[in-house]
Amino acid sequence: MSTESTSAASRAPVRQLLRRLFRCGATGAFLVVVALQLALFAAPWFWIGEILQDLRWHCGLASSATALALLPVRAPRRASLALLLAAFHLWPEARLSWPSESADAAAPRVVLVTANVLFSNGNQAALLDALRATNPDVLALQELTPPLRRLLERELTELPHRAFSPAEAWHEEGAGLGLFSRTPLREVRSLGLTVSYAPGLEAALDTPAGALRLRVVHLQRPGKPWRLAQRAAGLAHLEPLEWNTRDVLLGDLNLTPSSPRFSQLLERTQLRDSLVGHGRQPSYWRFPRLPRTLGVPIDHALHGCALRAATREVFELPGSDHGGVRVELVDVGASP
């Protein structure tokens, strides 16, 4: 027997072992994908399933990778099922990239910015520069601390009209919401949210795109059953409010467009998602070193049907685990 034949024979068991390991890994990944799907179906009764509803994009990516892994091991049925699950999970957020009707380039517009600045932000000078660079007409902030509030009140002279939630004096270690505007704020009031990070703000104002009513909120994040219950209570508080065609809801909703609760919010308020036509745009990154596409779009600017998002983008917020959302709205009338 030649040396080459002996070497090939000695490598054969290793190749067989590697093939078996790969097959076992692909099969295990498929079982995980099936388990995720079962958990999603059980969402009304199982809190982990409700969390997974906000992570359907990631379930779709996992299903896609599993389908590719199953192809070399000759498991076409399982690969086909994984691909179908991938399409099912990716579609709710992939469809956001489908082009929508463009706005009139000459139409007056208002620039709204919403940003969760992170209560422990230690880079406030750079954060101020980033916020100012967006040139907003209205700036809505979440997790605003007293030191940052004092800095912004002193420096943002171009946005002289302000409102805060809670309205009473803040504890030095606390945080809340802030609303900064170029034009006067009218009819400012609390939304009365009792199970969120702050009571919420409502204000009316005149803008280049016409009169608007803004509502700013920061809903509870998911992660545990009691947190999900508080988020649901916050949504249940918002949905019955009066919503008209010129209303805007800004803030960290801790909710992704793939969640049925997000669809329910849009249906019950008749608001529209500014992401439509502008892509998925993740705005929160739990692990910032990973690709940004693995983040989640939980910071939102929802608007009534008399408005359209001419542009929308997520920008870097120094010192925060969120990106800010900048949206330009134009008046298109009360179109259906």
Protein backbone atom coordinates (compact mmCIF):
# COMPACT_ATOMS: atom_id res chain seq x y z
CA MET A 1 0.00 0.00 0.00
CA SER A 2 1.35 3.42 -0.93
CA THR A 3 2.01 6.20 1.56
CA GLU A 4 -0.76 8.29 -0.01
CA SER A 5 -3.30 5.47 0.38
CA THR A 6 -2.30 4.94 3.99
CA SER A 7 -2.65 8.65 4.74
CA ALA A 8 -6.08 8.81 3.06
CA ALA A 9 -7.25 5.77 5.00
CA SER A 10 -6.12 7.31 8.28
CA ARG A 11 -8.01 10.53 7.54
CA ALA A 12 -11.27 8.80 6.64
CA PRO A 13 -12.43 8.21 10.26
CA VAL A 14 -11.73 11.86 11.07
CA ARG A 15 -13.82 13.04 8.12
CA GLN A 16 -16.63 10.71 9.12
CA LEU A 17 -16.53 12.03 12.67
CA LEU A 18 -16.61 15.63 11.45
CA ARG A 19 -19.57 14.87 9.17
CA ARG A 20 -21.43 13.27 12.04
CA LEU A 21 -20.71 16.21 14.30
CA PHE A 22 -21.87 18.65 11.63
CA ARG A 23 -25.04 16.63 11.07
CA CYS A 24 -25.72 16.54 14.82
CA GLY A 25 -25.09 20.29 15.06
CA ALA A 26 -27.44 21.04 12.15
CA THR A 27 -30.11 18.79 13.62
CA GLY A 28 -29.70 20.42 17.03
CA ALA A 29 -30.04 23.87 15.47
CA PHE A 30 -33.22 22.74 13.73
CA LEU A 31 -34.67 21.50 17.02
CA VAL A 32 -33.84 24.86 18.62
CA VAL A 33 -35.63 26.68 15.78
CA VAL A 34 -38.69 24.47 16.27
CA ALA A 35 -38.59 25.11 20.03
CA LEU A 36 -38.45 28.87 19.41
CA GLN A 37 -41.47 28.62 17.14
CA LEU A 38 -43.43 26.69 19.77
CA ALA A 39 -42.51 29.32 22.36
CA LEU A 40 -43.72 32.07 20.01
CA PHE A 41 -47.07 30.33 19.53
CA ALA A 42 -47.37 30.09 23.32
CA ALA A 43 -46.78 33.85 23.79
CA PRO A 44 -50.29 34.59 25.17
CA TRP A 45 -49.60 32.20 28.04
CA PHE A 46 -45.79 32.08 28.27
CA TRP A 47 -43.77 35.21 29.03
CA ILE A 48 -40.63 34.04 27.18
CA GLY A 49 -42.75 33.69 24.06
CA GLU A 50 -43.82 37.33 24.36
CA ILE A 51 -40.19 38.41 24.57
CA LEU A 52 -39.40 36.35 21.47
CA GLN A 53 -42.14 38.19 19.58
CA ASP A 54 -39.97 41.30 19.87
CA LEU A 55 -37.01 39.26 18.56
CA ARG A 56 -38.59 37.68 15.51
CA TRP A 57 -35.92 39.23 13.28
CA HIS A 58 -33.30 37.30 15.21
CA CYS A 59 -35.42 34.13 15.07
CA GLY A 60 -35.52 34.63 11.30
CA LEU A 61 -31.74 34.97 11.09
CA ALA A 62 -31.34 31.81 13.18
CA SER A 63 -33.78 29.95 10.93
CA SER A 64 -31.91 31.10 7.81
CA ALA A 65 -28.57 29.90 9.20
CA THR A 66 -30.15 26.59 10.17
CA ALA A 67 -31.55 26.09 6.66
CA LEU A 68 -28.10 26.66 5.16
CA ALA A 69 -26.56 24.22 7.63
CA LEU A 70 -29.11 21.55 6.73
CA LEU A 71 -28.41 21.65 2.99
CA PRO A 72 -25.02 19.83 3.10
CA VAL A 73 -26.44 17.04 5.29
CA ARG A 74 -29.16 16.27 2.74
CA ALA A 75 -32.16 17.18 4.84
CA PRO A 76 -34.26 19.08 2.26
CA ARG A 77 -37.56 18.89 4.15
CA ARG A 78 -36.13 20.31 7.34
CA ALA A 79 -34.19 22.92 5.35
CA SER A 80 -37.39 23.95 3.54
CA LEU A 81 -39.28 24.26 6.82
CA ALA A 82 -36.47 26.36 8.30
CA LEU A 83 -36.55 28.64 5.24
CA LEU A 84 -40.32 29.07 5.55
CA LEU A 85 -39.92 29.97 9.22
CA ALA A 86 -37.14 32.42 8.29
CA ALA A 87 -39.38 34.19 5.78
CA PHE A 88 -42.24 34.27 8.29
CA HIS A 89 -40.10 35.88 10.98
CA LEU A 90 -38.09 38.27 8.79
CA TRP A 91 -41.03 39.68 6.84
CA PRO A 92 -42.53 42.07 9.46
CA GLU A 93 -39.32 44.11 9.62
CA ALA A 94 -37.95 43.38 6.13
CA ARG A 95 -41.09 44.93 4.59
CA LEU A 96 -40.17 48.27 6.19
CA SER A 97 -37.61 48.71 3.39
CA TRP A 98 -40.28 48.58 0.70
CA PRO A 99 -40.39 52.06 -0.90
CA SER A 100 -43.33 54.21 0.12
CA GLU A 101 -44.80 57.29 -1.52
CA SER A 102 -42.27 60.09 -1.41
CA ALA A 103 -43.01 63.45 0.14
CA ASP A 104 -42.97 66.74 -1.75
CA ALA A 105 -39.38 67.99 -1.55
CA ALA A 106 -40.59 71.59 -1.34
CA ALA A 107 -43.13 70.95 1.42
CA PRO A 108 -42.47 72.58 4.81
CA ARG A 109 -41.19 70.06 7.31
CA VAL A 110 -40.51 69.72 11.01
CA VAL A 111 -37.49 67.89 12.40
CA LEU A 112 -38.27 65.74 15.43
CA VAL A 113 -35.60 63.92 17.41
CA THR A 114 -36.19 61.33 20.11
CA ALA A 115 -33.30 59.89 22.12
CA ASN A 116 -32.81 57.64 25.12
CA VAL A 117 -29.63 59.23 26.42
CA LEU A 118 -28.94 56.62 29.18
CA PHE A 119 -29.17 57.76 32.78
CA SER A 120 -25.52 56.78 33.46
CA ASN A 121 -24.16 58.65 30.43
CA GLY A 122 -20.65 59.85 31.20
CA ASN A 123 -19.99 61.60 27.90
CA GLN A 124 -22.36 64.53 28.14
CA ALA A 125 -20.29 67.05 26.17
CA ALA A 126 -20.11 64.78 23.12
CA LEU A 127 -23.79 63.91 23.58
CA LEU A 128 -24.69 67.60 23.48
CA ASP A 129 -22.75 68.00 20.22
CA ALA A 130 -24.50 64.98 18.68
CA LEU A 131 -27.95 66.25 19.61
CA ARG A 132 -27.23 69.75 18.37
CA ALA A 133 -25.87 68.40 15.06
CA THR A 134 -29.31 67.00 14.20
CA ASN A 135 -30.66 70.58 14.10
CA PRO A 136 -34.01 69.61 15.65
CA ASP A 137 -37.14 71.69 15.90
CA VAL A 138 -38.24 69.42 18.74
CA LEU A 139 -36.06 67.25 20.95
CA ALA A 140 -37.64 64.52 23.12
CA LEU A 141 -35.33 62.85 25.64
CA GLN A 142 -35.69 59.79 27.84
CA GLU A 143 -33.56 58.86 30.89
CA LEU A 144 -32.70 62.53 31.30
CA THR A 145 -30.85 63.12 34.59
CA PRO A 146 -30.71 66.38 36.58
CA PRO A 147 -27.04 67.09 35.65
CA LEU A 148 -27.71 66.55 31.94
CA ARG A 149 -30.94 68.51 32.19
CA ARG A 150 -29.06 71.49 33.64
CA LEU A 151 -26.44 71.27 30.88
CA LEU A 152 -29.03 71.17 28.11
CA GLU A 153 -31.13 73.94 29.62
CA ARG A 154 -28.04 76.11 29.69
CA GLU A 155 -26.61 75.22 26.27
CA LEU A 156 -29.60 74.58 23.98
CA THR A 157 -30.56 78.21 23.65
CA GLU A 158 -31.96 77.51 20.17
CA LEU A 159 -34.64 75.37 21.85
CA PRO A 160 -35.90 77.78 24.52
CA HIS A 161 -39.28 76.18 25.24
CA ARG A 162 -39.11 73.21 27.61
CA ALA A 163 -41.27 70.78 29.53
CA PHE A 164 -40.31 67.91 31.81
CA SER A 165 -41.80 64.77 33.31
CA PRO A 166 -42.21 64.42 36.20
CA ALA A 167 -43.13 68.08 36.50
CA GLU A 168 -42.23 68.39 40.18
CA ALA A 169 -38.69 68.78 41.49
CA TRP A 170 -36.40 65.90 40.51
CA HIS A 171 -34.35 63.83 42.92
CA GLU A 172 -30.67 64.28 42.10
CA GLU A 173 -30.28 60.53 41.47
CA GLY A 174 -33.48 60.26 39.43
CA ALA A 175 -34.28 60.56 35.73
CA GLY A 176 -37.22 61.54 33.57
CA LEU A 177 -38.36 62.93 30.24
CA GLY A 178 -37.48 66.24 28.63
CA LEU A 179 -39.06 68.12 25.72
CA PHE A 180 -37.16 71.01 24.09
CA SER A 181 -38.74 73.07 21.29
CA ARG A 182 -38.01 76.03 19.01
CA THR A 183 -41.61 77.17 19.24
CA PRO A 184 -43.81 77.65 22.32
CA LEU A 185 -45.37 74.59 23.93
CA ARG A 186 -49.07 74.85 24.73
CA GLU A 187 -51.45 72.73 26.77
CA VAL A 188 -48.59 70.90 28.45
CA ARG A 189 -49.79 68.11 30.71
CA SER A 190 -48.78 64.78 32.18
CA LEU A 191 -50.07 61.59 30.57
CA GLY A 192 -50.44 60.04 34.01
CA LEU A 193 -48.57 56.82 33.29
CA THR A 194 -48.00 55.12 36.63
CA VAL A 195 -46.16 51.95 35.59
CA SER A 196 -43.54 53.46 33.25
CA TYR A 197 -40.19 55.11 33.79
CA ALA A 198 -41.89 58.53 33.80
CA PRO A 199 -45.51 59.78 33.74
CA GLY A 200 -45.21 60.92 30.12
CA LEU A 201 -45.66 64.31 28.46
CA GLU A 202 -48.21 65.86 26.14
CA ALA A 203 -47.86 69.25 24.46
CA ALA A 204 -49.31 71.14 21.50
CA LEU A 205 -47.19 73.40 19.32
CA ASP A 206 -47.03 75.15 15.96
CA THR A 207 -44.34 73.99 13.54
CA PRO A 208 -43.34 74.62 9.91
CA ALA A 209 -45.41 71.53 9.05
CA GLY A 210 -48.46 72.87 10.88
CA ALA A 211 -49.93 72.42 14.34
CA LEU A 212 -48.99 69.18 16.12
CA ARG A 213 -49.79 67.43 19.36
CA LEU A 214 -46.81 65.51 20.75
CA ARG A 215 -46.81 62.73 23.31
CA VAL A 216 -43.53 61.50 24.77
CA VAL A 217 -43.21 58.24 26.71
CA HIS A 218 -40.70 55.70 27.97
CA LEU A 219 -42.38 52.34 28.53
CA GLN A 220 -41.08 49.53 30.71
CA ARG A 221 -38.56 47.21 29.10
CA PRO A 222 -39.31 43.48 28.77
CA GLY A 223 -37.24 40.76 30.40
CA LYS A 224 -39.37 39.45 33.26
CA PRO A 225 -43.10 38.74 33.65
CA TRP A 226 -43.70 41.80 35.84
CA ARG A 227 -41.90 44.04 33.34
CA LEU A 228 -44.03 42.72 30.49
CA ALA A 229 -47.14 43.36 32.58
CA GLN A 230 -46.06 46.96 33.18
CA ARG A 231 -45.34 47.49 29.48
CA ALA A 232 -48.79 46.10 28.65
CA ALA A 233 -50.34 48.43 31.24
CA GLY A 234 -48.55 51.41 29.68
CA LEU A 235 -49.85 50.49 26.22
CA ALA A 236 -53.34 49.98 27.62
CA HIS A 237 -53.14 53.51 29.06
CA LEU A 238 -52.06 55.06 25.75
CA GLU A 239 -54.37 53.28 23.33
CA PRO A 240 -57.73 54.71 24.54
CA LEU A 241 -56.48 58.32 24.43
CA GLU A 242 -57.89 60.58 21.75
CA TRP A 243 -55.64 60.37 18.69
CA ASN A 244 -56.08 62.56 15.64
CA THR A 245 -54.42 62.92 12.26
CA ARG A 246 -51.81 65.42 13.48
CA ASP A 247 -50.66 63.59 16.60
CA VAL A 248 -47.14 62.23 17.11
CA LEU A 249 -45.98 59.65 19.64
CA LEU A 250 -42.26 59.81 20.42
CA GLY A 251 -40.07 57.76 22.70
CA ASP A 252 -38.61 54.46 23.76
CA LEU A 253 -41.55 52.05 23.55
CA ASN A 254 -39.39 48.98 24.24
CA LEU A 255 -41.38 47.35 21.46
CA THR A 256 -40.33 46.22 17.97
CA PRO A 257 -42.43 46.35 14.78
CA SER A 258 -42.56 42.53 14.71
CA SER A 259 -44.52 42.35 17.96
CA PRO A 260 -48.31 41.88 17.76
CA ARG A 261 -48.56 44.47 20.53
CA PHE A 262 -46.97 47.03 18.21
CA SER A 263 -49.47 46.23 15.46
CA GLN A 264 -52.26 46.51 18.02
CA LEU A 265 -50.99 49.93 19.11
CA LEU A 266 -51.03 51.19 15.50
CA GLU A 267 -54.50 49.77 14.91
CA ARG A 268 -56.05 51.23 18.05
CA THR A 269 -54.46 54.67 17.74
CA GLN A 270 -54.55 54.88 13.92
CA LEU A 271 -50.95 56.10 14.02
CA ARG A 272 -48.43 55.24 11.32
CA ASP A 273 -44.92 53.93 11.70
CA SER A 274 -42.26 56.34 10.40
CA LEU A 275 -40.02 53.33 9.68
CA VAL A 276 -42.20 52.33 6.72
CA GLY A 277 -40.26 53.03 3.54
CA HIS A 278 -37.05 53.79 5.44
CA GLY A 279 -35.92 50.34 6.52
CA ARG A 280 -35.52 48.52 9.79
CA GLN A 281 -33.11 50.96 11.54
CA PRO A 282 -32.12 49.28 14.84
CA SER A 283 -31.79 51.81 17.67
CA TYR A 284 -30.71 49.67 20.65
CA TRP A 285 -27.64 47.46 20.85
CA ARG A 286 -27.28 45.20 23.88
CA PHE A 287 -23.84 44.15 22.67
CA PRO A 288 -22.33 47.13 20.79
CA ARG A 289 -19.41 45.13 19.34
CA LEU A 290 -21.77 42.94 17.32
CA PRO A 291 -23.11 44.07 13.91
CA ARG A 292 -25.72 46.79 14.25
CA THR A 293 -28.24 44.75 12.26
CA LEU A 294 -28.52 42.53 15.34
CA GLY A 295 -29.90 45.46 17.32
CA VAL A 296 -33.60 46.13 17.77
CA PRO A 297 -35.75 49.09 16.60
CA ILE A 298 -37.47 50.08 19.85
CA ASP A 299 -37.23 53.89 19.67
CA HIS A 300 -40.13 55.23 17.68
CA ALA A 301 -41.76 58.23 16.02
CA LEU A 302 -45.36 57.32 15.21
CA HIS A 303 -47.56 59.88 13.47
CA GLY A 304 -51.09 60.52 12.28
CA CYS A 305 -52.17 60.14 8.66
CA ALA A 306 -51.98 63.89 7.93
CA LEU A 307 -48.21 63.59 8.22
CA ARG A 308 -45.56 61.67 6.31
CA ALA A 309 -41.96 60.84 7.19
CA ALA A 310 -39.86 62.46 4.44
CA THR A 311 -36.64 61.21 6.02
CA ARG A 312 -35.81 59.02 8.98
CA GLU A 313 -32.46 57.96 10.37
CA VAL A 314 -30.77 56.63 13.49
CA PHE A 315 -27.69 58.54 14.66
CA GLU A 316 -24.97 57.84 17.20
CA LEU A 317 -25.57 58.91 20.81
CA PRO A 318 -22.20 59.12 22.60
CA GLY A 319 -22.32 57.40 25.99
CA SER A 320 -25.68 55.71 25.37
CA ASP A 321 -26.66 52.15 24.50
CA HIS A 322 -29.32 53.58 22.17
CA GLY A 323 -29.14 55.47 18.92
CA GLY A 324 -31.21 58.60 18.49
CA VAL A 325 -34.01 58.81 15.94
CA ARG A 326 -34.26 61.84 13.66
CA VAL A 327 -37.37 62.15 11.51
CA GLU A 328 -38.55 64.91 9.17
CA LEU A 329 -42.33 65.09 8.94
CA VAL A 330 -44.27 66.91 6.22
CA ASP A 331 -47.94 67.84 6.08
CA VAL A 332 -49.84 65.78 3.49
CA GLY A 333 -53.37 66.48 4.70
CA ALA A 334 -55.76 63.96 6.20
CA SER A 335 -55.24 61.31 3.52
CA PRO A 336 -56.66 57.85 4.27
